[in-house]
């Protein structure tokens, strides 16, 4: 049977590689600086470290769709801005996933897309571009509506 214990030297090498990869990910991944719930517009606003904003209605997001204003207001930014958490709702989302239109599991997304025949118009409704020129559409561009997107017409 192979020795399953790593030597200190192996561990240190793996640790250095992991730290380097982590730093690279932080530099290249979209990250939230802050997030809040705007009850007047009933939208969640994610302010990114690059000074852009992403705005979406909680009705699109699995676990947030039936939440009260109070529950939606309790947002935490986690993992150095890589994720958002609503602790009372036990709902977590990656910032990168939200930016490309992933608001839940495949089953959840299939349900959202089937509500309007899979139309991409739901993305336009979800992204409020009228408030700020640095919104999600300027961050992710049209690529979010193409092949990998759950919003693509089926």
N, C-alpha and C. Protein backbone atom coordinates (compact mmCIF):
# COMPACT_ATOMS: atom_id res chain seq x y z
N UNK A 1 0.84 -1.17 0.00
CA UNK A 1 0.00 0.00 0.00
C UNK A 1 0.89 1.24 0.00
N UNK A 2 0.51 2.22 -0.82
CA UNK A 2 1.32 3.43 -0.96
C UNK A 2 1.23 4.29 0.31
N UNK A 3 2.31 5.00 0.56
CA UNK A 3 2.34 5.91 1.70
C UNK A 3 1.45 7.11 1.39
N UNK A 4 0.41 7.33 2.17
CA UNK A 4 -0.54 8.41 1.93
C UNK A 4 -0.13 9.71 2.60
N UNK A 5 0.88 9.71 3.38
CA UNK A 5 1.31 10.90 4.09
C UNK A 5 2.31 11.67 3.22
N UNK A 6 2.11 12.95 3.13
CA UNK A 6 3.01 13.81 2.38
C UNK A 6 4.16 14.23 3.27
N UNK A 7 5.31 14.35 2.67
CA UNK A 7 6.44 14.87 3.43
C UNK A 7 6.23 16.38 3.61
N UNK A 8 6.96 16.95 4.55
CA UNK A 8 6.88 18.39 4.76
C UNK A 8 7.29 19.15 3.50
N UNK A 9 8.27 18.62 2.80
CA UNK A 9 8.74 19.26 1.58
C UNK A 9 7.64 19.25 0.50
N UNK A 10 6.96 18.10 0.34
CA UNK A 10 5.86 18.01 -0.62
C UNK A 10 4.73 18.95 -0.25
N UNK A 11 4.42 18.99 1.03
CA UNK A 11 3.35 19.87 1.50
C UNK A 11 3.68 21.33 1.21
N UNK A 12 4.88 21.75 1.52
CA UNK A 12 5.29 23.14 1.30
C UNK A 12 5.22 23.50 -0.18
N UNK A 13 5.63 22.57 -1.05
CA UNK A 13 5.58 22.82 -2.48
C UNK A 13 4.13 22.97 -2.94
N UNK A 14 3.26 22.08 -2.51
CA UNK A 14 1.84 22.16 -2.89
C UNK A 14 1.20 23.44 -2.34
N UNK A 15 1.59 23.82 -1.15
CA UNK A 15 1.07 25.03 -0.53
C UNK A 15 1.46 26.27 -1.34
N UNK A 16 2.71 26.36 -1.76
CA UNK A 16 3.17 27.49 -2.57
C UNK A 16 2.41 27.56 -3.89
N UNK A 17 2.23 26.41 -4.53
CA UNK A 17 1.50 26.37 -5.81
C UNK A 17 0.05 26.82 -5.59
N UNK A 18 -0.57 26.33 -4.54
CA UNK A 18 -1.97 26.68 -4.26
C UNK A 18 -2.11 28.18 -3.99
N UNK A 19 -1.19 28.77 -3.24
CA UNK A 19 -1.23 30.21 -2.96
C UNK A 19 -1.07 31.02 -4.25
N UNK A 20 -0.15 30.58 -5.10
CA UNK A 20 0.07 31.28 -6.36
C UNK A 20 -1.19 31.21 -7.23
N UNK A 21 -1.81 30.04 -7.32
CA UNK A 21 -3.04 29.90 -8.10
C UNK A 21 -4.17 30.73 -7.51
N UNK A 22 -4.24 30.78 -6.19
CA UNK A 22 -5.26 31.59 -5.52
C UNK A 22 -5.11 33.07 -5.83
N UNK A 23 -3.89 33.55 -5.81
CA UNK A 23 -3.63 34.96 -6.13
C UNK A 23 -4.00 35.27 -7.58
N UNK A 24 -3.68 34.33 -8.49
CA UNK A 24 -4.03 34.52 -9.89
C UNK A 24 -5.55 34.57 -10.06
N UNK A 25 -6.26 33.70 -9.34
CA UNK A 25 -7.73 33.69 -9.44
C UNK A 25 -8.32 34.99 -8.94
N UNK A 26 -7.78 35.52 -7.85
CA UNK A 26 -8.30 36.79 -7.32
C UNK A 26 -8.09 37.93 -8.31
N UNK A 27 -7.01 37.89 -9.06
CA UNK A 27 -6.75 38.94 -10.03
C UNK A 27 -7.64 38.82 -11.25
N UNK A 28 -8.00 37.61 -11.65
CA UNK A 28 -8.70 37.41 -12.90
C UNK A 28 -10.21 37.20 -12.76
N UNK A 29 -10.70 36.92 -11.58
CA UNK A 29 -12.12 36.65 -11.39
C UNK A 29 -12.88 37.91 -11.02
N UNK A 30 -14.14 38.01 -11.48
CA UNK A 30 -14.95 39.14 -11.04
C UNK A 30 -15.21 39.02 -9.54
N UNK A 31 -15.07 40.14 -8.82
CA UNK A 31 -15.24 40.11 -7.37
C UNK A 31 -16.13 41.25 -6.92
N UNK A 32 -16.92 40.97 -5.92
CA UNK A 32 -17.80 41.99 -5.34
C UNK A 32 -17.05 42.78 -4.29
N UNK A 33 -17.22 44.09 -4.33
CA UNK A 33 -16.72 44.97 -3.28
C UNK A 33 -17.79 45.08 -2.20
N UNK A 34 -19.06 45.14 -2.63
CA UNK A 34 -20.18 45.22 -1.71
C UNK A 34 -21.44 44.73 -2.42
N UNK A 35 -22.46 44.49 -1.64
CA UNK A 35 -23.75 44.09 -2.18
C UNK A 35 -24.83 44.57 -1.23
N UNK A 36 -25.94 44.97 -1.79
CA UNK A 36 -27.06 45.41 -0.95
C UNK A 36 -28.37 45.20 -1.69
N UNK A 37 -29.42 45.20 -0.92
CA UNK A 37 -30.76 45.07 -1.47
C UNK A 37 -31.42 46.43 -1.49
N UNK A 38 -31.90 46.85 -2.65
CA UNK A 38 -32.60 48.11 -2.81
C UNK A 38 -34.10 47.81 -2.79
N UNK A 39 -34.73 48.05 -1.66
CA UNK A 39 -36.14 47.69 -1.51
C UNK A 39 -37.06 48.55 -2.39
N UNK A 40 -36.65 49.77 -2.70
CA UNK A 40 -37.48 50.64 -3.53
C UNK A 40 -37.65 50.07 -4.94
N UNK A 41 -36.58 49.52 -5.50
CA UNK A 41 -36.65 48.94 -6.84
C UNK A 41 -36.83 47.42 -6.81
N UNK A 42 -36.76 46.85 -5.62
CA UNK A 42 -36.78 45.40 -5.41
C UNK A 42 -35.70 44.73 -6.28
N UNK A 43 -34.47 45.22 -6.12
CA UNK A 43 -33.33 44.70 -6.87
C UNK A 43 -32.15 44.49 -5.93
N UNK A 44 -31.34 43.51 -6.26
CA UNK A 44 -30.08 43.28 -5.55
C UNK A 44 -29.00 43.96 -6.38
N UNK A 45 -28.18 44.74 -5.71
CA UNK A 45 -27.13 45.51 -6.38
C UNK A 45 -25.78 44.97 -5.90
N UNK A 46 -24.97 44.57 -6.84
CA UNK A 46 -23.63 44.07 -6.53
C UNK A 46 -22.64 45.06 -7.13
N UNK A 47 -21.86 45.69 -6.26
CA UNK A 47 -20.83 46.61 -6.71
C UNK A 47 -19.52 45.84 -6.80
N UNK A 48 -18.93 45.83 -7.97
CA UNK A 48 -17.71 45.06 -8.22
C UNK A 48 -16.46 45.88 -7.94
N UNK A 49 -15.36 45.20 -7.73
CA UNK A 49 -14.10 45.89 -7.44
C UNK A 49 -13.62 46.74 -8.62
N UNK A 50 -14.08 46.44 -9.82
CA UNK A 50 -13.68 47.23 -10.99
C UNK A 50 -14.61 48.42 -11.22
N UNK A 51 -15.42 48.76 -10.23
CA UNK A 51 -16.33 49.90 -10.21
C UNK A 51 -17.56 49.72 -11.08
N UNK A 52 -17.80 48.52 -11.58
CA UNK A 52 -19.03 48.22 -12.30
C UNK A 52 -20.09 47.74 -11.31
N UNK A 53 -21.33 47.75 -11.76
CA UNK A 53 -22.44 47.25 -10.95
C UNK A 53 -23.19 46.18 -11.72
N UNK A 54 -23.73 45.23 -10.97
CA UNK A 54 -24.62 44.22 -11.53
C UNK A 54 -25.89 44.27 -10.70
N UNK A 55 -27.02 44.39 -11.37
CA UNK A 55 -28.30 44.55 -10.68
C UNK A 55 -29.26 43.49 -11.20
N UNK A 56 -29.92 42.79 -10.27
CA UNK A 56 -30.87 41.76 -10.69
C UNK A 56 -32.03 41.64 -9.70
N UNK A 57 -33.19 41.19 -10.19
CA UNK A 57 -34.33 41.00 -9.30
C UNK A 57 -34.20 39.67 -8.55
N UNK A 58 -34.51 39.65 -7.27
CA UNK A 58 -34.38 38.40 -6.51
C UNK A 58 -35.31 37.30 -7.00
N UNK A 59 -36.35 37.65 -7.72
CA UNK A 59 -37.28 36.63 -8.24
C UNK A 59 -36.60 35.65 -9.18
N UNK A 60 -35.49 36.05 -9.78
CA UNK A 60 -34.77 35.15 -10.68
C UNK A 60 -33.92 34.13 -9.93
N UNK A 61 -33.58 34.43 -8.69
CA UNK A 61 -32.57 33.63 -7.98
C UNK A 61 -33.20 32.57 -7.08
N UNK A 62 -32.73 31.37 -7.23
CA UNK A 62 -33.19 30.24 -6.42
C UNK A 62 -32.89 30.53 -4.94
N UNK A 63 -33.90 30.43 -4.12
CA UNK A 63 -33.74 30.67 -2.69
C UNK A 63 -34.00 32.10 -2.29
N UNK A 64 -34.04 33.01 -3.24
CA UNK A 64 -34.32 34.41 -2.94
C UNK A 64 -35.70 34.85 -3.41
N UNK A 65 -36.29 34.07 -4.29
CA UNK A 65 -37.51 34.48 -4.97
C UNK A 65 -38.71 34.75 -4.06
N UNK A 66 -38.78 34.11 -2.92
CA UNK A 66 -39.91 34.32 -2.01
C UNK A 66 -39.49 35.01 -0.71
N UNK A 67 -38.32 35.57 -0.68
CA UNK A 67 -37.78 36.16 0.55
C UNK A 67 -38.38 37.54 0.82
N UNK A 68 -38.42 37.87 2.09
CA UNK A 68 -38.90 39.20 2.51
C UNK A 68 -37.81 40.24 2.27
N UNK A 69 -38.20 41.50 2.31
CA UNK A 69 -37.22 42.58 2.17
C UNK A 69 -36.15 42.47 3.26
N UNK A 70 -36.57 42.15 4.46
CA UNK A 70 -35.62 42.02 5.58
C UNK A 70 -34.61 40.91 5.31
N UNK A 71 -35.08 39.76 4.84
CA UNK A 71 -34.18 38.64 4.55
C UNK A 71 -33.22 38.98 3.41
N UNK A 72 -33.74 39.66 2.39
CA UNK A 72 -32.91 40.02 1.24
C UNK A 72 -31.85 41.05 1.61
N UNK A 73 -32.13 41.84 2.62
CA UNK A 73 -31.19 42.88 3.05
C UNK A 73 -29.96 42.33 3.76
N UNK A 74 -30.03 41.10 4.21
CA UNK A 74 -28.91 40.49 4.92
C UNK A 74 -27.99 39.75 3.95
N UNK A 75 -27.17 40.51 3.27
CA UNK A 75 -26.23 39.95 2.29
C UNK A 75 -24.82 40.07 2.83
N UNK A 76 -24.05 38.98 2.68
CA UNK A 76 -22.63 39.01 3.04
C UNK A 76 -21.81 38.74 1.79
N UNK A 77 -20.71 39.46 1.67
CA UNK A 77 -19.73 39.20 0.62
C UNK A 77 -18.70 38.25 1.21
N UNK A 78 -18.50 37.12 0.56
CA UNK A 78 -17.58 36.09 1.07
C UNK A 78 -16.41 35.87 0.13
N UNK A 79 -15.45 35.12 0.61
CA UNK A 79 -14.31 34.63 -0.20
C UNK A 79 -13.63 35.74 -0.99
N UNK A 80 -13.33 36.83 -0.30
CA UNK A 80 -12.65 37.98 -0.90
C UNK A 80 -13.40 38.51 -2.12
N UNK A 81 -14.72 38.45 -2.05
CA UNK A 81 -15.55 39.00 -3.11
C UNK A 81 -15.98 38.03 -4.18
N UNK A 82 -15.62 36.77 -4.06
CA UNK A 82 -15.96 35.78 -5.08
C UNK A 82 -17.37 35.23 -4.93
N UNK A 83 -18.00 35.44 -3.77
CA UNK A 83 -19.31 34.86 -3.52
C UNK A 83 -20.18 35.79 -2.69
N UNK A 84 -21.50 35.59 -2.80
CA UNK A 84 -22.48 36.30 -1.99
C UNK A 84 -23.26 35.28 -1.18
N UNK A 85 -23.66 35.68 0.02
CA UNK A 85 -24.35 34.76 0.93
C UNK A 85 -25.51 35.48 1.60
N UNK A 86 -26.64 34.80 1.65
CA UNK A 86 -27.79 35.24 2.43
C UNK A 86 -27.96 34.20 3.53
N UNK A 87 -27.39 34.43 4.73
CA UNK A 87 -27.33 33.40 5.77
C UNK A 87 -28.70 32.92 6.25
N UNK A 88 -29.66 33.81 6.41
CA UNK A 88 -30.98 33.39 6.88
C UNK A 88 -31.72 32.56 5.85
N UNK A 89 -31.36 32.71 4.60
CA UNK A 89 -32.02 31.98 3.52
C UNK A 89 -31.24 30.75 3.08
N UNK A 90 -30.03 30.58 3.63
CA UNK A 90 -29.14 29.50 3.23
C UNK A 90 -28.96 29.49 1.71
N UNK A 91 -28.68 30.68 1.16
CA UNK A 91 -28.51 30.83 -0.28
C UNK A 91 -27.14 31.47 -0.55
N UNK A 92 -26.38 30.85 -1.44
CA UNK A 92 -25.07 31.35 -1.81
C UNK A 92 -24.94 31.33 -3.33
N UNK A 93 -24.28 32.34 -3.86
CA UNK A 93 -24.06 32.43 -5.30
C UNK A 93 -22.64 32.90 -5.56
N UNK A 94 -22.04 32.36 -6.62
CA UNK A 94 -20.74 32.89 -7.04
C UNK A 94 -21.00 34.16 -7.85
N UNK A 95 -20.15 35.13 -7.69
CA UNK A 95 -20.29 36.38 -8.44
C UNK A 95 -20.14 36.10 -9.93
N UNK A 96 -19.16 35.30 -10.29
CA UNK A 96 -18.95 34.96 -11.70
C UNK A 96 -20.18 34.28 -12.30
N UNK A 97 -20.80 33.39 -11.54
CA UNK A 97 -22.01 32.72 -12.02
C UNK A 97 -23.15 33.69 -12.25
N UNK A 98 -23.37 34.58 -11.30
CA UNK A 98 -24.44 35.57 -11.46
C UNK A 98 -24.22 36.42 -12.70
N UNK A 99 -22.97 36.81 -12.95
CA UNK A 99 -22.67 37.67 -14.09
C UNK A 99 -22.98 37.02 -15.43
N UNK A 100 -22.94 35.71 -15.49
CA UNK A 100 -23.28 35.03 -16.75
C UNK A 100 -24.68 34.46 -16.73
N UNK A 101 -25.47 34.86 -15.72
CA UNK A 101 -26.88 34.48 -15.72
C UNK A 101 -27.21 33.18 -15.05
N UNK A 102 -26.35 32.68 -14.18
CA UNK A 102 -26.65 31.44 -13.46
C UNK A 102 -27.25 31.83 -12.11
N UNK A 103 -28.56 31.63 -11.98
CA UNK A 103 -29.29 32.04 -10.79
C UNK A 103 -29.76 30.85 -9.96
N UNK A 104 -29.26 29.66 -10.26
CA UNK A 104 -29.63 28.47 -9.50
C UNK A 104 -29.17 27.22 -10.21
N UNK A 105 -29.74 26.09 -9.78
CA UNK A 105 -29.40 24.80 -10.37
C UNK A 105 -29.93 24.71 -11.80
N UNK A 106 -29.50 23.70 -12.51
CA UNK A 106 -29.98 23.50 -13.88
C UNK A 106 -31.50 23.37 -13.90
N UNK A 107 -32.04 22.64 -12.97
CA UNK A 107 -33.50 22.47 -12.91
C UNK A 107 -34.18 23.83 -12.69
N UNK A 108 -33.64 24.65 -11.78
CA UNK A 108 -34.19 25.97 -11.54
C UNK A 108 -34.12 26.83 -12.80
N UNK A 109 -32.97 26.81 -13.46
CA UNK A 109 -32.78 27.62 -14.66
C UNK A 109 -33.71 27.16 -15.78
N UNK A 110 -33.90 25.84 -15.91
CA UNK A 110 -34.82 25.32 -16.91
C UNK A 110 -36.23 25.83 -16.64
N UNK A 111 -36.60 25.91 -15.36
CA UNK A 111 -37.92 26.41 -14.99
C UNK A 111 -38.09 27.88 -15.33
N UNK A 112 -37.06 28.68 -15.08
CA UNK A 112 -37.12 30.10 -15.41
C UNK A 112 -37.23 30.29 -16.92
N UNK A 113 -36.41 29.56 -17.66
CA UNK A 113 -36.42 29.70 -19.11
C UNK A 113 -37.75 29.24 -19.70
N UNK A 114 -38.37 28.23 -19.12
CA UNK A 114 -39.63 27.73 -19.67
C UNK A 114 -40.80 28.65 -19.36
N UNK A 115 -40.66 29.54 -18.37
CA UNK A 115 -41.74 30.46 -18.03
C UNK A 115 -42.07 31.41 -19.16
N UNK A 116 -41.08 31.72 -19.97
CA UNK A 116 -41.37 32.63 -21.10
C UNK A 116 -40.83 32.04 -22.41
N UNK A 117 -40.81 30.74 -22.48
CA UNK A 117 -40.38 30.08 -23.71
C UNK A 117 -38.89 30.14 -23.95
N UNK A 118 -38.12 30.43 -22.89
CA UNK A 118 -36.67 30.49 -23.05
C UNK A 118 -36.19 31.80 -23.62
N UNK A 119 -37.03 32.78 -23.65
CA UNK A 119 -36.68 34.06 -24.24
C UNK A 119 -35.54 34.74 -23.51
N UNK A 120 -34.70 35.40 -24.26
CA UNK A 120 -33.61 36.15 -23.67
C UNK A 120 -34.10 37.45 -23.06
N UNK A 121 -35.36 37.79 -23.23
CA UNK A 121 -35.87 39.04 -22.69
C UNK A 121 -35.79 39.08 -21.17
N UNK A 122 -35.77 37.92 -20.52
CA UNK A 122 -35.65 37.90 -19.06
C UNK A 122 -34.32 38.48 -18.60
N UNK A 123 -33.26 38.30 -19.39
CA UNK A 123 -31.98 38.88 -19.03
C UNK A 123 -32.07 40.40 -19.09
N UNK A 124 -32.71 40.91 -20.11
CA UNK A 124 -32.85 42.36 -20.21
C UNK A 124 -33.63 42.91 -19.03
N UNK A 125 -34.63 42.19 -18.58
CA UNK A 125 -35.39 42.62 -17.41
C UNK A 125 -34.53 42.55 -16.15
N UNK A 126 -33.66 41.56 -16.08
CA UNK A 126 -32.85 41.34 -14.87
C UNK A 126 -31.72 42.34 -14.73
N UNK A 127 -31.26 42.87 -15.83
CA UNK A 127 -30.13 43.79 -15.79
C UNK A 127 -30.64 45.20 -15.98
N UNK A 128 -30.54 46.01 -14.97
CA UNK A 128 -31.02 47.39 -15.03
C UNK A 128 -29.91 48.27 -15.57
N UNK A 129 -29.96 48.55 -16.86
CA UNK A 129 -28.92 49.34 -17.49
C UNK A 129 -29.23 50.82 -17.50
N UNK A 130 -30.40 51.21 -17.01
CA UNK A 130 -30.78 52.61 -17.09
C UNK A 130 -30.15 53.46 -15.99
N UNK A 131 -29.66 52.86 -14.91
CA UNK A 131 -29.15 53.62 -13.79
C UNK A 131 -27.68 53.98 -13.90
N UNK A 132 -26.90 53.13 -14.52
CA UNK A 132 -25.46 53.31 -14.48
C UNK A 132 -24.87 52.74 -15.75
N UNK A 133 -23.96 53.45 -16.36
CA UNK A 133 -23.37 52.97 -17.60
C UNK A 133 -22.42 51.80 -17.37
N UNK A 134 -22.08 51.52 -16.11
CA UNK A 134 -21.18 50.41 -15.80
C UNK A 134 -21.97 49.27 -15.19
N UNK A 135 -22.88 48.71 -15.93
CA UNK A 135 -23.70 47.62 -15.42
C UNK A 135 -23.22 46.30 -15.99
N UNK A 136 -23.95 45.27 -15.65
CA UNK A 136 -23.54 43.93 -16.07
C UNK A 136 -23.41 43.81 -17.58
N UNK A 137 -24.27 44.47 -18.32
CA UNK A 137 -24.16 44.33 -19.77
C UNK A 137 -22.82 44.85 -20.27
N UNK A 138 -22.28 45.88 -19.62
CA UNK A 138 -20.98 46.38 -20.05
C UNK A 138 -19.84 45.51 -19.53
N UNK A 139 -20.12 44.73 -18.50
CA UNK A 139 -19.10 43.83 -17.95
C UNK A 139 -19.00 42.57 -18.78
N UNK A 140 -20.16 41.96 -19.03
CA UNK A 140 -20.14 40.65 -19.66
C UNK A 140 -20.46 40.71 -21.13
N UNK A 141 -21.00 41.80 -21.61
CA UNK A 141 -21.29 41.96 -23.02
C UNK A 141 -22.28 40.93 -23.52
N UNK A 142 -22.33 40.78 -24.83
CA UNK A 142 -23.27 39.85 -25.43
C UNK A 142 -22.87 38.40 -25.24
N UNK A 143 -21.64 38.14 -24.83
CA UNK A 143 -21.20 36.75 -24.68
C UNK A 143 -22.03 36.00 -23.66
N UNK A 144 -22.61 36.71 -22.69
CA UNK A 144 -23.44 36.05 -21.69
C UNK A 144 -24.72 35.51 -22.29
N UNK A 145 -25.09 36.00 -23.45
CA UNK A 145 -26.32 35.57 -24.09
C UNK A 145 -26.07 34.51 -25.15
N UNK A 146 -24.84 34.05 -25.24
CA UNK A 146 -24.52 33.10 -26.28
C UNK A 146 -24.45 31.68 -25.74
N UNK A 147 -23.69 30.85 -26.35
CA UNK A 147 -23.71 29.40 -26.19
C UNK A 147 -23.79 28.89 -24.76
N UNK A 148 -22.96 29.39 -23.83
CA UNK A 148 -22.91 28.83 -22.50
C UNK A 148 -24.05 29.31 -21.61
N UNK A 149 -24.76 30.32 -22.04
CA UNK A 149 -25.76 30.94 -21.18
C UNK A 149 -27.01 30.09 -21.05
N UNK A 150 -27.57 30.01 -19.83
CA UNK A 150 -28.84 29.32 -19.65
C UNK A 150 -29.98 30.09 -20.28
N UNK A 151 -29.75 31.31 -20.73
CA UNK A 151 -30.79 32.12 -21.33
C UNK A 151 -30.92 31.90 -22.81
N UNK A 152 -30.02 31.14 -23.38
CA UNK A 152 -30.08 30.89 -24.83
C UNK A 152 -31.37 30.17 -25.19
N UNK A 153 -32.00 30.62 -26.25
CA UNK A 153 -33.24 30.00 -26.72
C UNK A 153 -32.97 28.54 -27.08
N UNK A 154 -33.82 27.66 -26.63
CA UNK A 154 -33.63 26.23 -26.87
C UNK A 154 -34.49 25.74 -28.01
